[in-house]
Amino acid sequence: MKLISFQASDRVRLGIKTENGIVDVCSTAEKAGLSAPNTMEDVIAAGQSGLDQLHQVLSQADETLEESTIQYAPVVQNPIKIICSGANYRAHVAEANLAIPEFPIYFPKYQNSLAAHNEEIVPPAITEQVDYEVEMVVVMGQQARNVTKEEALDYVFGYATGNDFSARDLQFRGVQWMYGKAIDQFAPIGPYLVTADEVPNPQNLDLKCWVNGDLRQNSNTEKMIFPIAELISDLSQAMTLEAGDVIFTGTPEGVIVGMEEKKWLQPGDEIVCEVEGLGRLVNRLAPR
């Protein structure tokens, strides 16, 4: 299933994308007298039973919303952790003049960084070097501690398209990257959260990024240095991953920081990120 979070009145609702439009889970369940998760967090916490309830809701849906009328919300609202993998594609490591890492490199983002599909991004006034990074995003489906690489993907709820926006002047002003990464709205995710059963091989998906229609990044998740299962397993040796936790898995080559002539993103620029089968995430930089 392709699930969405969308804004309705004063709250965020759960929706299901279908060929005919978006099914409003709460309204449809109420009309049919069914029990169902009301939010993305609810369905993730419920696991398979929650997905089973959503299938029941789908079977009773006789009305849909036009997707173009939806105001998207970030697909997840309250992750305990947002963990990002840096320098995880060889060609990106080379263009950034970094060394191939022996172990995965991680840095955090926080809930303040979350943003939605079609949301206008407002960079802080202290940066002049805003960059894009298309990434495949993992959302955990259950608690994971000390899991093996072989079983790691069993703990995944779903996958989404993400953009790890980065303020390069802030990122590289010191040793730690966080200050240039964990900025408000610098982690848009969406438009959909695609359940893991629809992504049998997450390590063979094309991912692309366009800026104002110009293709900048064009690669495949098979080119990761540390595959998704290895990232999950490695993280779980040091910390407990919880249902709903978010993992950004790294970006391929083609970012501005790796270009000889660096033309940083400007107000009004449209950035489109796409991971095969997961949807296109569109954001614009707001005027200052």
C-alpha atoms as a PDB file:
ATOM      1  CA  MET A   1       0.000   0.000   0.000  1.00  0.00           C
ATOM      2  CA  LYS A   2       0.938   3.609  -0.567  1.00  0.00           C
ATOM      3  CA  LEU A   3       0.009   5.512   2.574  1.00  0.00           C
ATOM      4  CA  ILE A   4      -0.084   9.272   3.031  1.00  0.00           C
ATOM      5  CA  SER A   5      -0.496  11.721   5.877  1.00  0.00           C
ATOM      6  CA  PHE A   6      -2.575  14.759   4.974  1.00  0.00           C
ATOM      7  CA  GLN A   7      -3.874  17.837   6.711  1.00  0.00           C
ATOM      8  CA  ALA A   8      -7.604  18.031   7.326  1.00  0.00           C
ATOM      9  CA  SER A   9      -8.979  20.897   9.419  1.00  0.00           C
ATOM     10  CA  ASP A  10      -6.902  20.965  12.589  1.00  0.00           C
ATOM     11  CA  ARG A  11      -5.405  17.482  12.458  1.00  0.00           C
ATOM     12  CA  VAL A  12      -3.389  15.108  10.333  1.00  0.00           C
ATOM     13  CA  ARG A  13      -5.276  12.182   8.820  1.00  0.00           C
ATOM     14  CA  LEU A  14      -4.208   8.886   7.295  1.00  0.00           C
ATOM     15  CA  GLY A  15      -4.921   8.229   3.632  1.00  0.00           C
ATOM     16  CA  ILE A  16      -4.410   5.423   1.139  1.00  0.00           C
ATOM     17  CA  LYS A  17      -3.481   6.162  -2.463  1.00  0.00           C
ATOM     18  CA  THR A  18      -5.535   4.223  -5.004  1.00  0.00           C
ATOM     19  CA  GLU A  19      -5.991   4.399  -8.763  1.00  0.00           C
ATOM     20  CA  ASN A  20      -9.150   6.437  -8.182  1.00  0.00           C
ATOM     21  CA  GLY A  21      -7.770   8.904  -5.662  1.00  0.00           C
ATOM     22  CA  ILE A  22      -7.054   9.113  -1.938  1.00  0.00           C
ATOM     23  CA  VAL A  23      -9.144   7.121   0.524  1.00  0.00           C
ATOM     24  CA  ASP A  24      -9.680   9.024   3.782  1.00  0.00           C
ATOM     25  CA  VAL A  25      -9.238   6.166   6.250  1.00  0.00           C
ATOM     26  CA  CYS A  26     -10.979   7.798   9.208  1.00  0.00           C
ATOM     27  CA  SER A  27     -14.067   8.927   7.281  1.00  0.00           C
ATOM     28  CA  THR A  28     -14.420   5.652   5.387  1.00  0.00           C
ATOM     29  CA  ALA A  29     -14.001   3.512   8.515  1.00  0.00           C
ATOM     30  CA  GLU A  30     -16.531   5.607  10.432  1.00  0.00           C
ATOM     31  CA  LYS A  31     -19.062   5.370   7.617  1.00  0.00           C
ATOM     32  CA  ALA A  32     -18.604   1.587   7.356  1.00  0.00           C
ATOM     33  CA  GLY A  33     -18.582   0.998  11.113  1.00  0.00           C
ATOM     34  CA  LEU A  34     -15.034  -0.355  11.054  1.00  0.00           C
ATOM     35  CA  SER A  35     -12.142   0.030  13.448  1.00  0.00           C
ATOM     36  CA  ALA A  36      -8.997   1.356  11.792  1.00  0.00           C
ATOM     37  CA  PRO A  37      -5.821   3.298  12.568  1.00  0.00           C
ATOM     38  CA  ASN A  38      -6.348   7.071  12.450  1.00  0.00           C
ATOM     39  CA  THR A  39      -2.745   8.153  11.857  1.00  0.00           C
ATOM     40  CA  MET A  40       0.464   6.832  10.333  1.00  0.00           C
ATOM     41  CA  GLU A  41       1.831   6.326  13.833  1.00  0.00           C
ATOM     42  CA  ASP A  42      -1.218   4.219  14.697  1.00  0.00           C
ATOM     43  CA  VAL A  43      -0.815   1.887  11.738  1.00  0.00           C
ATOM     44  CA  ILE A  44       2.941   1.506  12.271  1.00  0.00           C
ATOM     45  CA  ALA A  45       2.373   0.657  15.940  1.00  0.00           C
ATOM     46  CA  ALA A  46      -0.357  -1.846  15.062  1.00  0.00           C
ATOM     47  CA  GLY A  47       1.804  -3.638  12.499  1.00  0.00           C
ATOM     48  CA  GLN A  48       0.156  -6.331  10.418  1.00  0.00           C
ATOM     49  CA  SER A  49      -3.169  -6.074  12.240  1.00  0.00           C
ATOM     50  CA  GLY A  50      -3.282  -2.386  11.355  1.00  0.00           C
ATOM     51  CA  LEU A  51      -2.564  -3.150   7.709  1.00  0.00           C
ATOM     52  CA  ASP A  52      -5.295  -5.794   7.743  1.00  0.00           C
ATOM     53  CA  GLN A  53      -7.726  -3.172   9.011  1.00  0.00           C
ATOM     54  CA  LEU A  54      -6.697  -0.833   6.208  1.00  0.00           C
ATOM     55  CA  HIS A  55      -7.429  -3.548   3.655  1.00  0.00           C
ATOM     56  CA  GLN A  56     -10.915  -3.843   5.159  1.00  0.00           C
ATOM     57  CA  VAL A  57     -11.363  -0.096   4.854  1.00  0.00           C
ATOM     58  CA  LEU A  58     -10.284  -0.231   1.209  1.00  0.00           C
ATOM     59  CA  SER A  59     -12.875  -2.899   0.485  1.00  0.00           C
ATOM     60  CA  GLN A  60     -15.608  -0.563   1.760  1.00  0.00           C
ATOM     61  CA  ALA A  61     -14.359   2.668   0.178  1.00  0.00           C
ATOM     62  CA  ASP A  62     -16.860   4.188  -2.242  1.00  0.00           C
ATOM     63  CA  GLU A  63     -15.537   7.759  -2.129  1.00  0.00           C
ATOM     64  CA  THR A  64     -12.081   9.185  -2.739  1.00  0.00           C
ATOM     65  CA  LEU A  65     -10.412  12.572  -2.557  1.00  0.00           C
ATOM     66  CA  GLU A  66      -8.738  14.113  -5.586  1.00  0.00           C
ATOM     67  CA  GLU A  67      -5.015  13.940  -4.857  1.00  0.00           C
ATOM     68  CA  SER A  68      -4.391  17.396  -6.303  1.00  0.00           C
ATOM     69  CA  THR A  69      -6.613  18.871  -3.565  1.00  0.00           C
ATOM     70  CA  ILE A  70      -4.717  17.228  -0.701  1.00  0.00           C
ATOM     71  CA  GLN A  71      -2.511  19.251   1.611  1.00  0.00           C
ATOM     72  CA  TYR A  72       0.243  16.790   2.404  1.00  0.00           C
ATOM     73  CA  ALA A  73       1.854  16.415   5.806  1.00  0.00           C
ATOM     74  CA  PRO A  74       5.185  14.696   6.465  1.00  0.00           C
ATOM     75  CA  VAL A  75       4.469  10.979   6.130  1.00  0.00           C
ATOM     76  CA  VAL A  76       5.577  10.431   9.730  1.00  0.00           C
ATOM     77  CA  GLN A  77       4.970  13.022  12.427  1.00  0.00           C
ATOM     78  CA  ASN A  78       6.725  12.000  15.617  1.00  0.00           C
ATOM     79  CA  PRO A  79       9.711   9.699  15.057  1.00  0.00           C
ATOM     80  CA  ILE A  80      11.834   9.187  18.145  1.00  0.00           C
ATOM     81  CA  LYS A  81      14.931   9.148  15.952  1.00  0.00           C
ATOM     82  CA  ILE A  82      15.867  10.478  12.522  1.00  0.00           C
ATOM     83  CA  ILE A  83      19.244   8.959  11.662  1.00  0.00           C
ATOM     84  CA  CYS A  84      21.062   9.862   8.467  1.00  0.00           C
ATOM     85  CA  SER A  85      23.814   7.880   6.771  1.00  0.00           C
ATOM     86  CA  GLY A  86      26.498  10.090   5.257  1.00  0.00           C
ATOM     87  CA  ALA A  87      29.024   9.300   2.534  1.00  0.00           C
ATOM     88  CA  ASN A  88      27.248   6.072   1.560  1.00  0.00           C
ATOM     89  CA  TYR A  89      27.733   6.121  -2.248  1.00  0.00           C
ATOM     90  CA  ARG A  90      31.251   5.787  -3.665  1.00  0.00           C
ATOM     91  CA  ALA A  91      30.812   8.323  -6.457  1.00  0.00           C
ATOM     92  CA  HIS A  92      29.417  10.860  -3.993  1.00  0.00           C
ATOM     93  CA  VAL A  93      32.349  10.266  -1.645  1.00  0.00           C
ATOM     94  CA  ALA A  94      34.724  10.897  -4.559  1.00  0.00           C
ATOM     95  CA  GLU A  95      33.017  14.108  -5.711  1.00  0.00           C
ATOM     96  CA  ALA A  96      33.062  15.458  -2.151  1.00  0.00           C
ATOM     97  CA  ASN A  97      36.773  14.639  -1.769  1.00  0.00           C
ATOM     98  CA  LEU A  98      36.117  12.369   1.191  1.00  0.00           C
ATOM     99  CA  ALA A  99      37.711   9.040   2.060  1.00  0.00           C
ATOM    100  CA  ILE A 100      35.753   5.808   1.581  1.00  0.00           C
ATOM    101  CA  PRO A 101      34.494   5.109   5.119  1.00  0.00           C
ATOM    102  CA  GLU A 102      35.484   1.885   6.845  1.00  0.00           C
ATOM    103  CA  PHE A 103      32.311   2.025   8.919  1.00  0.00           C
ATOM    104  CA  PRO A 104      28.987   3.789   8.333  1.00  0.00           C
ATOM    105  CA  ILE A 105      28.888   7.506   9.141  1.00  0.00           C
ATOM    106  CA  TYR A 106      25.805   8.751  10.973  1.00  0.00           C
ATOM    107  CA  PHE A 107      24.403  12.112  11.959  1.00  0.00           C
ATOM    108  CA  PRO A 108      21.014  13.116  13.389  1.00  0.00           C
ATOM    109  CA  LYS A 109      18.138  15.208  12.270  1.00  0.00           C
ATOM    110  CA  TYR A 110      15.170  15.971  14.507  1.00  0.00           C
ATOM    111  CA  GLN A 111      11.412  16.425  14.277  1.00  0.00           C
ATOM    112  CA  ASN A 112      11.866  20.115  13.485  1.00  0.00           C
ATOM    113  CA  SER A 113      13.531  19.055  10.211  1.00  0.00           C
ATOM    114  CA  LEU A 114      10.487  17.180   8.908  1.00  0.00           C
ATOM    115  CA  ALA A 115       8.645  18.653   5.941  1.00  0.00           C
ATOM    116  CA  ALA A 116       6.017  17.483   3.482  1.00  0.00           C
ATOM    117  CA  HIS A 117       5.614  16.995  -0.248  1.00  0.00           C
ATOM    118  CA  ASN A 118       4.832  20.367  -1.871  1.00  0.00           C
ATOM    119  CA  GLU A 119       5.920  22.257   1.249  1.00  0.00           C
ATOM    120  CA  GLU A 120       7.847  25.467   0.671  1.00  0.00           C
ATOM    121  CA  ILE A 121      11.260  25.306   2.352  1.00  0.00           C
ATOM    122  CA  VAL A 122      12.554  28.383   4.184  1.00  0.00           C
ATOM    123  CA  PRO A 123      16.347  28.205   4.689  1.00  0.00           C
ATOM    124  CA  PRO A 124      17.777  30.198   7.605  1.00  0.00           C
ATOM    125  CA  ALA A 125      19.302  33.575   6.840  1.00  0.00           C
ATOM    126  CA  ILE A 126      22.726  32.426   8.059  1.00  0.00           C
ATOM    127  CA  THR A 127      23.339  30.097   5.100  1.00  0.00           C
ATOM    128  CA  GLU A 128      24.206  30.915   1.503  1.00  0.00           C
ATOM    129  CA  GLN A 129      25.027  27.361   0.404  1.00  0.00           C
ATOM    130  CA  VAL A 130      21.861  25.257   0.323  1.00  0.00           C
ATOM    131  CA  ASP A 131      22.238  21.898  -1.431  1.00  0.00           C
ATOM    132  CA  TYR A 132      19.929  18.953  -2.228  1.00  0.00           C
ATOM    133  CA  GLU A 133      20.375  15.202  -1.634  1.00  0.00           C
ATOM    134  CA  VAL A 134      17.872  12.672  -2.953  1.00  0.00           C
ATOM    135  CA  GLU A 135      17.726   9.670  -0.631  1.00  0.00           C
ATOM    136  CA  MET A 136      15.789   6.507   0.002  1.00  0.00           C
ATOM    137  CA  VAL A 137      14.225   6.674   3.455  1.00  0.00           C
ATOM    138  CA  VAL A 138      13.479   3.713   5.711  1.00  0.00           C
ATOM    139  CA  VAL A 139      10.755   3.748   8.378  1.00  0.00           C
ATOM    140  CA  MET A 140      11.086   1.055  11.010  1.00  0.00           C
ATOM    141  CA  GLY A 141       8.084  -1.129  11.783  1.00  0.00           C
ATOM    142  CA  GLN A 142       9.079  -2.665  15.075  1.00  0.00           C
ATOM    143  CA  GLN A 143      11.649  -2.479  17.825  1.00  0.00           C
ATOM    144  CA  ALA A 144      15.055  -3.757  16.703  1.00  0.00           C
ATOM    145  CA  ARG A 145      18.032  -4.513  18.939  1.00  0.00           C
ATOM    146  CA  ASN A 146      21.056  -6.633  17.990  1.00  0.00           C
ATOM    147  CA  VAL A 147      19.492  -7.842  14.738  1.00  0.00           C
ATOM    148  CA  THR A 148      21.520  -9.535  12.022  1.00  0.00           C
ATOM    149  CA  LYS A 149      21.887  -8.278   8.461  1.00  0.00           C
ATOM    150  CA  GLU A 150      19.928 -11.303   7.289  1.00  0.00           C
ATOM    151  CA  GLU A 151      16.864 -10.423   9.363  1.00  0.00           C
ATOM    152  CA  ALA A 152      17.151  -6.628   9.368  1.00  0.00           C
ATOM    153  CA  LEU A 153      14.685  -5.907   6.552  1.00  0.00           C
ATOM    154  CA  ASP A 154      11.990  -7.856   8.410  1.00  0.00           C
ATOM    155  CA  TYR A 155      11.880  -4.948  10.863  1.00  0.00           C
ATOM    156  CA  VAL A 156      11.072  -2.351   8.194  1.00  0.00           C
ATOM    157  CA  PHE A 157       7.540  -0.976   7.907  1.00  0.00           C
ATOM    158  CA  GLY A 158       8.049   0.886   4.667  1.00  0.00           C
ATOM    159  CA  TYR A 159      10.091   3.116   2.401  1.00  0.00           C
ATOM    160  CA  ALA A 160       9.782   6.675   1.118  1.00  0.00           C
ATOM    161  CA  THR A 161      11.534   9.313  -0.950  1.00  0.00           C
ATOM    162  CA  GLY A 162      13.459  11.918   1.027  1.00  0.00           C
ATOM    163  CA  ASN A 163      15.584  15.000   0.474  1.00  0.00           C
ATOM    164  CA  ASP A 164      18.460  15.577   2.895  1.00  0.00           C
ATOM    165  CA  PHE A 165      18.704  19.326   2.364  1.00  0.00           C
ATOM    166  CA  SER A 166      22.106  20.566   3.525  1.00  0.00           C
ATOM    167  CA  ALA A 167      23.615  23.963   4.303  1.00  0.00           C
ATOM    168  CA  ARG A 168      27.181  23.272   3.213  1.00  0.00           C
ATOM    169  CA  ASP A 169      28.716  26.414   4.726  1.00  0.00           C
ATOM    170  CA  LEU A 170      27.304  25.408   8.115  1.00  0.00           C
ATOM    171  CA  GLN A 171      27.923  21.682   7.673  1.00  0.00           C
ATOM    172  CA  PHE A 172      31.656  22.040   7.085  1.00  0.00           C
ATOM    173  CA  ARG A 173      32.475  24.921   9.400  1.00  0.00           C
ATOM    174  CA  GLY A 174      33.547  22.373  12.030  1.00  0.00           C
ATOM    175  CA  VAL A 175      34.012  18.635  12.497  1.00  0.00           C
ATOM    176  CA  GLN A 176      30.366  17.783  13.205  1.00  0.00           C
ATOM    177  CA  TRP A 177      27.825  17.979  10.360  1.00  0.00           C
ATOM    178  CA  MET A 178      24.680  18.434  12.449  1.00  0.00           C
ATOM    179  CA  TYR A 179      24.535  22.239  12.376  1.00  0.00           C
ATOM    180  CA  GLY A 180      24.209  22.263   8.596  1.00  0.00           C
ATOM    181  CA  LYS A 181      21.847  19.296   8.455  1.00  0.00           C
ATOM    182  CA  ALA A 182      19.319  19.407  11.317  1.00  0.00           C
ATOM    183  CA  ILE A 183      17.756  22.662  10.125  1.00  0.00           C
ATOM    184  CA  ASP A 184      14.019  23.355  10.192  1.00  0.00           C
ATOM    185  CA  GLN A 185      12.292  21.734   7.174  1.00  0.00           C
ATOM    186  CA  PHE A 186      15.543  20.198   5.897  1.00  0.00           C
ATOM    187  CA  ALA A 187      14.181  16.622   5.897  1.00  0.00           C
ATOM    188  CA  PRO A 188      11.119  16.483   3.629  1.00  0.00           C
ATOM    189  CA  ILE A 189       9.749  12.957   3.201  1.00  0.00           C
ATOM    190  CA  GLY A 190       6.962  11.827   0.902  1.00  0.00           C
ATOM    191  CA  PRO A 191       4.614  11.965  -0.799  1.00  0.00           C
ATOM    192  CA  TYR A 192       3.958   8.344   0.166  1.00  0.00           C
ATOM    193  CA  LEU A 193       5.115   5.766   2.650  1.00  0.00           C
ATOM    194  CA  VAL A 194       5.143   2.527   0.665  1.00  0.00           C
ATOM    195  CA  THR A 195       4.748  -0.619   2.745  1.00  0.00           C
ATOM    196  CA  ALA A 196       7.662  -3.038   2.679  1.00  0.00           C
ATOM    197  CA  ASP A 197       5.669  -5.802   0.971  1.00  0.00           C
ATOM    198  CA  GLU A 198       5.581  -3.633  -2.180  1.00  0.00           C
ATOM    199  CA  VAL A 199       9.371  -3.183  -2.192  1.00  0.00           C
ATOM    200  CA  PRO A 200      10.814  -6.711  -2.470  1.00  0.00           C
ATOM    201  CA  ASN A 201      14.345  -5.477  -3.252  1.00  0.00           C
ATOM    202  CA  PRO A 202      15.172  -2.024  -1.874  1.00  0.00           C
ATOM    203  CA  GLN A 203      18.745  -2.394  -3.165  1.00  0.00           C
ATOM    204  CA  ASN A 204      17.824  -2.093  -6.838  1.00  0.00           C
ATOM    205  CA  LEU A 205      15.819   1.103  -7.208  1.00  0.00           C
ATOM    206  CA  ASP A 206      16.664   4.086  -9.384  1.00  0.00           C
ATOM    207  CA  LEU A 207      16.846   7.428  -7.617  1.00  0.00           C
ATOM    208  CA  LYS A 208      16.922  10.819  -9.316  1.00  0.00           C
ATOM    209  CA  CYS A 209      16.865  14.515  -8.522  1.00  0.00           C
ATOM    210  CA  TRP A 210      15.975  17.467 -10.750  1.00  0.00           C
ATOM    211  CA  VAL A 211      16.480  21.176 -10.078  1.00  0.00           C
ATOM    212  CA  ASN A 212      14.177  23.370 -12.164  1.00  0.00           C
ATOM    213  CA  GLY A 213      13.772  20.453 -14.585  1.00  0.00           C
ATOM    214  CA  ASP A 214      17.519  19.810 -14.939  1.00  0.00           C
ATOM    215  CA  LEU A 215      18.486  16.236 -14.020  1.00  0.00           C
ATOM    216  CA  ARG A 216      21.237  16.463 -11.401  1.00  0.00           C
ATOM    217  CA  GLN A 217      21.332  13.031  -9.754  1.00  0.00           C
ATOM    218  CA  ASN A 218      20.733   9.692 -11.466  1.00  0.00           C
ATOM    219  CA  SER A 219      21.826   6.513  -9.716  1.00  0.00           C
ATOM    220  CA  ASN A 220      20.604   3.283  -8.141  1.00  0.00           C
ATOM    221  CA  THR A 221      20.400   2.081  -4.551  1.00  0.00           C
ATOM    222  CA  GLU A 222      22.567  -0.914  -5.470  1.00  0.00           C
ATOM    223  CA  LYS A 223      25.515   1.500  -5.385  1.00  0.00           C
ATOM    224  CA  MET A 224      25.326   2.066  -1.634  1.00  0.00           C
ATOM    225  CA  ILE A 225      28.560   1.310   0.210  1.00  0.00           C
ATOM    226  CA  PHE A 226      26.609   0.002   3.202  1.00  0.00           C
ATOM    227  CA  PRO A 227      23.279  -1.556   2.144  1.00  0.00           C
ATOM    228  CA  ILE A 228      20.104  -0.846   4.080  1.00  0.00           C
ATOM    229  CA  ALA A 229      20.165  -4.170   5.927  1.00  0.00           C
ATOM    230  CA  GLU A 230      23.715  -3.493   7.065  1.00  0.00           C
ATOM    231  CA  LEU A 231      22.811  -0.001   8.282  1.00  0.00           C
ATOM    232  CA  ILE A 232      19.886  -1.320  10.321  1.00  0.00           C
ATOM    233  CA  SER A 233      21.932  -4.156  11.785  1.00  0.00           C
ATOM    234  CA  ASP A 234      24.849  -1.876  12.603  1.00  0.00           C
ATOM    235  CA  LEU A 235      22.673   0.734  14.300  1.00  0.00           C
ATOM    236  CA  SER A 236      20.856  -1.929  16.296  1.00  0.00           C
ATOM    237  CA  GLN A 237      24.111  -3.119  17.856  1.00  0.00           C
ATOM    238  CA  ALA A 238      24.519   0.274  19.541  1.00  0.00           C
ATOM    239  CA  MET A 239      20.952   1.430  20.150  1.00  0.00           C
ATOM    240  CA  THR A 240      17.378   0.228  20.175  1.00  0.00           C
ATOM    241  CA  LEU A 241      15.555   1.195  17.004  1.00  0.00           C
ATOM    242  CA  GLU A 242      11.871   1.830  17.625  1.00  0.00           C
ATOM    243  CA  ALA A 243       8.821   1.503  15.402  1.00  0.00           C
ATOM    244  CA  GLY A 244       8.498   4.744  13.457  1.00  0.00           C
ATOM    245  CA  ASP A 245      12.189   5.606  13.567  1.00  0.00           C
ATOM    246  CA  VAL A 246      13.464   7.099  10.308  1.00  0.00           C
ATOM    247  CA  ILE A 247      16.726   6.281   8.531  1.00  0.00           C
ATOM    248  CA  PHE A 248      18.006   8.341   5.588  1.00  0.00           C
ATOM    249  CA  THR A 249      20.315   6.010   3.645  1.00  0.00           C
ATOM    250  CA  GLY A 250      22.664   8.394   1.818  1.00  0.00           C
ATOM    251  CA  THR A 251      22.799  10.224  -1.500  1.00  0.00           C
ATOM    252  CA  PRO A 252      24.578   9.488  -4.797  1.00  0.00           C
ATOM    253  CA  GLU A 253      26.753  11.814  -6.851  1.00  0.00           C
ATOM    254  CA  GLY A 254      25.465  14.967  -8.516  1.00  0.00           C
ATOM    255  CA  VAL A 255      25.087  17.346  -5.580  1.00  0.00           C
ATOM    256  CA  ILE A 256      26.251  20.949  -5.814  1.00  0.00           C
ATOM    257  CA  VAL A 257      29.088  20.548  -3.326  1.00  0.00           C
ATOM    258  CA  GLY A 258      30.775  18.133  -5.745  1.00  0.00           C
ATOM    259  CA  MET A 259      30.598  20.448  -8.759  1.00  0.00           C
ATOM    260  CA  GLU A 260      33.511  22.497 -10.033  1.00  0.00           C
ATOM    261  CA  GLU A 261      31.261  25.538 -10.428  1.00  0.00           C
ATOM    262  CA  LYS A 262      29.014  25.626  -7.391  1.00  0.00           C
ATOM    263  CA  LYS A 263      25.719  27.380  -8.043  1.00  0.00           C
ATOM    264  CA  TRP A 264      23.847  26.937  -4.781  1.00  0.00           C
ATOM    265  CA  LEU A 265      20.073  26.650  -4.611  1.00  0.00           C
ATOM    266  CA  GLN A 266      18.244  29.953  -4.831  1.00  0.00           C
ATOM    267  CA  PRO A 267      14.811  31.182  -3.703  1.00  0.00           C
ATOM    268  CA  GLY A 268      12.152  29.909  -6.087  1.00  0.00           C
ATOM    269  CA  ASP A 269      14.126  26.850  -7.192  1.00  0.00           C
ATOM    270  CA  GLU A 270      12.051  23.672  -7.571  1.00  0.00           C
ATOM    271  CA  ILE A 271      13.689  20.459  -6.371  1.00  0.00           C
ATOM    272  CA  VAL A 272      12.133  17.137  -7.401  1.00  0.00           C
ATOM    273  CA  CYS A 273      13.380  13.911  -5.820  1.00  0.00           C
ATOM    274  CA  GLU A 274      12.259  10.475  -6.955  1.00  0.00           C
ATOM    275  CA  VAL A 275      12.946   6.928  -5.851  1.00  0.00           C
ATOM    276  CA  GLU A 276      11.598   4.277  -8.202  1.00  0.00           C
ATOM    277  CA  GLY A 277       8.179   3.087  -7.068  1.00  0.00           C
ATOM    278  CA  LEU A 278       8.064   5.412  -4.062  1.00  0.00           C
ATOM    279  CA  GLY A 279       6.865   8.618  -5.691  1.00  0.00           C
ATOM    280  CA  ARG A 280       8.132  12.092  -6.537  1.00  0.00           C
ATOM    281  CA  LEU A 281       8.831  14.507  -3.708  1.00  0.00           C
ATOM    282  CA  VAL A 282       8.544  18.154  -4.792  1.00  0.00           C
ATOM    283  CA  ASN A 283       9.682  21.193  -2.806  1.00  0.00           C
ATOM    284  CA  ARG A 284      10.481  24.810  -3.606  1.00  0.00           C
ATOM    285  CA  LEU A 285      12.772  27.186  -1.802  1.00  0.00           C
ATOM    286  CA  ALA A 286      10.817  30.114  -0.437  1.00  0.00           C
ATOM    287  CA  PRO A 287      11.711  33.699  -1.245  1.00  0.00           C
ATOM    288  CA  ARG A 288      13.634  35.425   1.508  1.00  0.00           C
END
